[in-house]
Structures are given as structure tokens and as C-alpha cells.
Amino acid sequence: MPDAEPLYDWLAHVADVLGVDRALVEETTPPVLGMVRDVAHGVVRPAGPMTAFLVGVAAGSAGGGGAEETAARVRAALAEVERELRAREATQG
């Protein structure tokens, strides 16, 4: 991944500022970036970051648990988005 070091440095800094566990950020960044890419190319570009926001809201609003539980909720939300993208492609393809 190009520019991975500045990306991860930035994310670690923001995680610290926001009180987010760095392990959660490290575990979920690659699949979230992949989802953002797929949504941005499959729907419209602004849908990518906004969908990432919704994934985060969904994972966070379920509440409780540590980084591992939250990462599982992120993965579940990403799977839902992937299913929706596939359905969209099937109807438009």
C-alpha cells in the first residue's frame, strides 16, 4: 500500500486523541479501506467515506466490549455492505 506509514501514523495519532484502541484501528483499517474503494467505484466516490462512517456508527452503537468485540461488529457491518454492493451490481449488471 503506497504511503502506508504516514497513513498508519496518522490513524494511530487520531486513535489516541479519540481514545480508540490502536489494535482495533490496525485490525480494521485494511478491510475498511477495501470497502471504501469498492463503494466509491461501485456507487459514487462520496459514498465510500460516508459508508465507512455508517459502518463505524453501526459498530459503535452496538456498544460495549473491547477492541476484539468492536472489530467483530465492524467485520459484520462490512459484510452487510459487501452483500448490498453485490446485490446492486447484480441488478445493474
N, C-alpha and C. Protein backbone atom coordinates (compact mmCIF):
# COMPACT_ATOMS: atom_id res chain seq x y z
N MET A 1 0.85 -1.17 0.00
CA MET A 1 0.00 0.00 0.00
C MET A 1 0.89 1.23 0.00
N PRO A 2 0.71 2.11 -0.99
CA PRO A 2 1.52 3.32 -1.02
C PRO A 2 1.22 4.21 0.19
N ASP A 3 2.25 4.85 0.68
CA ASP A 3 2.11 5.79 1.79
C ASP A 3 1.48 5.16 3.03
N ALA A 4 1.75 3.88 3.25
CA ALA A 4 1.16 3.19 4.40
C ALA A 4 1.66 3.76 5.72
N GLU A 5 2.93 4.10 5.77
CA GLU A 5 3.48 4.60 7.04
C GLU A 5 2.81 5.90 7.49
N PRO A 6 2.71 6.91 6.61
CA PRO A 6 2.01 8.13 7.06
C PRO A 6 0.54 7.86 7.42
N LEU A 7 -0.10 6.97 6.68
CA LEU A 7 -1.49 6.63 6.99
C LEU A 7 -1.60 6.05 8.39
N TYR A 8 -0.80 5.04 8.67
CA TYR A 8 -0.88 4.39 9.98
C TYR A 8 -0.40 5.29 11.10
N ASP A 9 0.58 6.16 10.82
CA ASP A 9 1.00 7.14 11.83
C ASP A 9 -0.16 8.08 12.16
N TRP A 10 -0.84 8.56 11.13
CA TRP A 10 -1.97 9.46 11.33
C TRP A 10 -3.09 8.76 12.09
N LEU A 11 -3.44 7.55 11.67
CA LEU A 11 -4.52 6.82 12.32
C LEU A 11 -4.19 6.53 13.79
N ALA A 12 -2.95 6.19 14.08
CA ALA A 12 -2.55 5.94 15.47
C ALA A 12 -2.69 7.22 16.29
N HIS A 13 -2.29 8.34 15.71
CA HIS A 13 -2.41 9.62 16.41
C HIS A 13 -3.88 9.95 16.69
N VAL A 14 -4.72 9.85 15.66
CA VAL A 14 -6.14 10.18 15.84
C VAL A 14 -6.80 9.21 16.81
N ALA A 15 -6.42 7.93 16.73
CA ALA A 15 -6.96 6.94 17.67
C ALA A 15 -6.64 7.35 19.11
N ASP A 16 -5.41 7.78 19.33
CA ASP A 16 -5.03 8.22 20.68
C ASP A 16 -5.84 9.45 21.12
N VAL A 17 -6.00 10.40 20.21
CA VAL A 17 -6.75 11.62 20.52
C VAL A 17 -8.20 11.29 20.85
N LEU A 18 -8.78 10.34 20.11
CA LEU A 18 -10.19 9.99 20.29
C LEU A 18 -10.42 8.90 21.32
N GLY A 19 -9.34 8.34 21.84
CA GLY A 19 -9.48 7.28 22.83
C GLY A 19 -9.90 5.94 22.24
N VAL A 20 -9.49 5.69 21.00
CA VAL A 20 -9.81 4.44 20.32
C VAL A 20 -8.60 3.51 20.43
N ASP A 21 -8.86 2.26 20.72
CA ASP A 21 -7.81 1.26 20.86
C ASP A 21 -7.06 1.11 19.52
N ARG A 22 -5.75 1.27 19.55
CA ARG A 22 -4.94 1.15 18.33
C ARG A 22 -5.06 -0.22 17.68
N ALA A 23 -5.23 -1.26 18.50
CA ALA A 23 -5.37 -2.61 17.95
C ALA A 23 -6.60 -2.70 17.06
N LEU A 24 -7.67 -2.05 17.45
CA LEU A 24 -8.88 -2.02 16.64
C LEU A 24 -8.61 -1.34 15.31
N VAL A 25 -7.90 -0.23 15.36
CA VAL A 25 -7.58 0.50 14.13
C VAL A 25 -6.71 -0.35 13.21
N GLU A 26 -5.70 -0.99 13.77
CA GLU A 26 -4.80 -1.80 12.95
C GLU A 26 -5.54 -2.98 12.31
N GLU A 27 -6.44 -3.59 13.06
CA GLU A 27 -7.16 -4.76 12.54
C GLU A 27 -8.20 -4.41 11.49
N THR A 28 -8.84 -3.28 11.63
CA THR A 28 -9.96 -2.97 10.74
C THR A 28 -9.60 -2.05 9.58
N THR A 29 -8.45 -1.42 9.60
CA THR A 29 -8.10 -0.49 8.53
C THR A 29 -8.09 -1.15 7.15
N PRO A 30 -7.40 -2.27 6.94
CA PRO A 30 -7.38 -2.84 5.58
C PRO A 30 -8.78 -3.19 5.04
N PRO A 31 -9.64 -3.87 5.81
CA PRO A 31 -10.95 -4.16 5.22
C PRO A 31 -11.82 -2.92 5.04
N VAL A 32 -11.68 -1.94 5.91
CA VAL A 32 -12.47 -0.71 5.73
C VAL A 32 -12.00 0.03 4.48
N LEU A 33 -10.69 0.11 4.28
CA LEU A 33 -10.19 0.76 3.07
C LEU A 33 -10.66 0.04 1.81
N GLY A 34 -10.67 -1.28 1.85
CA GLY A 34 -11.16 -2.05 0.70
C GLY A 34 -12.63 -1.76 0.44
N MET A 35 -13.43 -1.69 1.49
CA MET A 35 -14.84 -1.38 1.33
C MET A 35 -15.02 0.02 0.76
N VAL A 36 -14.26 0.99 1.27
CA VAL A 36 -14.36 2.36 0.77
C VAL A 36 -14.04 2.39 -0.73
N ARG A 37 -13.00 1.69 -1.12
CA ARG A 37 -12.63 1.63 -2.54
C ARG A 37 -13.78 1.05 -3.36
N ASP A 38 -14.32 -0.09 -2.92
CA ASP A 38 -15.38 -0.76 -3.67
C ASP A 38 -16.63 0.09 -3.77
N VAL A 39 -17.01 0.73 -2.69
CA VAL A 39 -18.21 1.58 -2.71
C VAL A 39 -17.97 2.81 -3.57
N ALA A 40 -16.80 3.43 -3.43
CA ALA A 40 -16.50 4.63 -4.22
C ALA A 40 -16.54 4.34 -5.71
N HIS A 41 -16.06 3.16 -6.10
CA HIS A 41 -16.07 2.80 -7.52
C HIS A 41 -17.40 2.21 -7.98
N GLY A 42 -18.13 1.59 -7.05
CA GLY A 42 -19.37 0.92 -7.42
C GLY A 42 -20.62 1.77 -7.30
N VAL A 43 -20.53 2.84 -6.53
CA VAL A 43 -21.70 3.70 -6.33
C VAL A 43 -21.30 5.09 -6.82
N VAL A 44 -20.82 5.93 -5.95
CA VAL A 44 -20.21 7.22 -6.30
C VAL A 44 -19.13 7.49 -5.27
N ARG A 45 -18.14 8.24 -5.64
CA ARG A 45 -16.98 8.46 -4.78
C ARG A 45 -17.34 8.91 -3.35
N PRO A 46 -18.21 9.90 -3.16
CA PRO A 46 -18.51 10.31 -1.79
C PRO A 46 -19.20 9.23 -0.96
N ALA A 47 -19.76 8.23 -1.59
CA ALA A 47 -20.41 7.16 -0.84
C ALA A 47 -19.40 6.33 -0.06
N GLY A 48 -18.15 6.28 -0.51
CA GLY A 48 -17.12 5.48 0.17
C GLY A 48 -16.87 5.93 1.60
N PRO A 49 -16.44 7.18 1.80
CA PRO A 49 -16.18 7.60 3.18
C PRO A 49 -17.44 7.68 4.03
N MET A 50 -18.55 8.03 3.41
CA MET A 50 -19.79 8.10 4.19
C MET A 50 -20.26 6.71 4.62
N THR A 51 -20.03 5.71 3.78
CA THR A 51 -20.37 4.34 4.17
C THR A 51 -19.45 3.88 5.29
N ALA A 52 -18.17 4.27 5.23
CA ALA A 52 -17.25 3.94 6.32
C ALA A 52 -17.73 4.57 7.63
N PHE A 53 -18.21 5.78 7.55
CA PHE A 53 -18.77 6.45 8.72
C PHE A 53 -19.94 5.63 9.27
N LEU A 54 -20.84 5.19 8.39
CA LEU A 54 -22.00 4.41 8.84
C LEU A 54 -21.59 3.08 9.44
N VAL A 55 -20.57 2.45 8.88
CA VAL A 55 -20.05 1.20 9.45
C VAL A 55 -19.55 1.47 10.87
N GLY A 56 -18.83 2.55 11.05
CA GLY A 56 -18.33 2.90 12.39
C GLY A 56 -19.45 3.20 13.37
N VAL A 57 -20.46 3.93 12.90
CA VAL A 57 -21.60 4.24 13.76
C VAL A 57 -22.31 2.94 14.16
N ALA A 58 -22.52 2.06 13.18
CA ALA A 58 -23.21 0.80 13.47
C ALA A 58 -22.42 -0.03 14.47
N ALA A 59 -21.11 -0.13 14.27
CA ALA A 59 -20.28 -0.92 15.18
C ALA A 59 -20.22 -0.29 16.57
N GLY A 60 -20.13 1.01 16.62
CA GLY A 60 -20.04 1.69 17.91
C GLY A 60 -21.36 1.75 18.66
N SER A 61 -22.45 1.85 17.93
CA SER A 61 -23.74 1.99 18.61
C SER A 61 -24.21 0.68 19.24
N ALA A 62 -23.62 -0.43 18.79
CA ALA A 62 -23.95 -1.72 19.41
C ALA A 62 -23.42 -1.76 20.83
N GLY A 63 -22.42 -0.93 21.12
CA GLY A 63 -21.93 -0.71 22.47
C GLY A 63 -21.20 -1.86 23.11
N GLY A 64 -20.48 -1.49 24.14
CA GLY A 64 -19.82 -2.47 24.98
C GLY A 64 -18.71 -3.24 24.32
N GLY A 65 -17.99 -3.98 25.15
CA GLY A 65 -16.91 -4.83 24.66
C GLY A 65 -15.65 -4.06 24.39
N GLY A 66 -14.61 -4.82 24.19
CA GLY A 66 -13.32 -4.23 23.89
C GLY A 66 -13.07 -4.18 22.40
N ALA A 67 -11.81 -4.04 22.06
CA ALA A 67 -11.42 -3.91 20.66
C ALA A 67 -11.81 -5.13 19.84
N GLU A 68 -11.65 -6.30 20.42
CA GLU A 68 -11.96 -7.53 19.68
C GLU A 68 -13.45 -7.61 19.32
N GLU A 69 -14.31 -7.28 20.26
CA GLU A 69 -15.75 -7.31 20.01
C GLU A 69 -16.15 -6.23 19.00
N THR A 70 -15.55 -5.06 19.13
CA THR A 70 -15.86 -3.98 18.19
C THR A 70 -15.37 -4.34 16.80
N ALA A 71 -14.20 -4.94 16.69
CA ALA A 71 -13.69 -5.37 15.38
C ALA A 71 -14.64 -6.38 14.75
N ALA A 72 -15.19 -7.26 15.55
CA ALA A 72 -16.16 -8.24 15.03
C ALA A 72 -17.40 -7.53 14.50
N ARG A 73 -17.85 -6.49 15.21
CA ARG A 73 -19.01 -5.73 14.73
C ARG A 73 -18.68 -4.98 13.45
N VAL A 74 -17.46 -4.46 13.34
CA VAL A 74 -17.04 -3.80 12.10
C VAL A 74 -17.05 -4.80 10.95
N ARG A 75 -16.48 -5.99 11.18
CA ARG A 75 -16.46 -7.01 10.13
C ARG A 75 -17.88 -7.39 9.71
N ALA A 76 -18.78 -7.50 10.67
CA ALA A 76 -20.17 -7.85 10.34
C ALA A 76 -20.82 -6.75 9.51
N ALA A 77 -20.58 -5.50 9.88
CA ALA A 77 -21.14 -4.39 9.11
C ALA A 77 -20.54 -4.34 7.71
N LEU A 78 -19.24 -4.62 7.59
CA LEU A 78 -18.60 -4.64 6.27
C LEU A 78 -19.19 -5.75 5.41
N ALA A 79 -19.49 -6.88 6.01
CA ALA A 79 -20.11 -7.98 5.26
C ALA A 79 -21.48 -7.58 4.74
N GLU A 80 -22.24 -6.84 5.54
CA GLU A 80 -23.55 -6.35 5.08
C GLU A 80 -23.39 -5.41 3.89
N VAL A 81 -22.41 -4.52 3.97
CA VAL A 81 -22.17 -3.59 2.87
C VAL A 81 -21.77 -4.36 1.62
N GLU A 82 -20.92 -5.35 1.77
CA GLU A 82 -20.49 -6.17 0.63
C GLU A 82 -21.69 -6.85 -0.03
N ARG A 83 -22.59 -7.40 0.78
CA ARG A 83 -23.80 -8.03 0.23
C ARG A 83 -24.63 -7.02 -0.55
N GLU A 84 -24.76 -5.82 -0.01
CA GLU A 84 -25.53 -4.78 -0.70
C GLU A 84 -24.87 -4.37 -2.02
N LEU A 85 -23.53 -4.27 -2.02
CA LEU A 85 -22.83 -3.94 -3.26
C LEU A 85 -23.05 -5.02 -4.31
N ARG A 86 -22.96 -6.28 -3.91
CA ARG A 86 -23.18 -7.38 -4.86
C ARG A 86 -24.60 -7.36 -5.40
N ALA A 87 -25.57 -7.09 -4.53
CA ALA A 87 -26.95 -7.01 -4.98
C ALA A 87 -27.13 -5.87 -5.96
N ARG A 88 -26.51 -4.75 -5.68
CA ARG A 88 -26.59 -3.58 -6.56
C ARG A 88 -25.99 -3.91 -7.93
N GLU A 89 -24.82 -4.55 -7.91
CA GLU A 89 -24.16 -4.93 -9.16
C GLU A 89 -25.02 -5.90 -9.96
N ALA A 90 -25.66 -6.84 -9.28
CA ALA A 90 -26.48 -7.83 -9.95
C ALA A 90 -27.69 -7.18 -10.65
N THR A 91 -28.25 -6.16 -10.03
CA THR A 91 -29.42 -5.52 -10.61
C THR A 91 -29.05 -4.53 -11.71
N GLN A 92 -27.82 -4.02 -11.64
CA GLN A 92 -27.39 -3.04 -12.64
C GLN A 92 -26.57 -3.66 -13.76
N GLY A 93 -26.07 -4.89 -13.51
CA GLY A 93 -25.16 -5.55 -14.44
C GLY A 93 -25.83 -6.03 -15.64
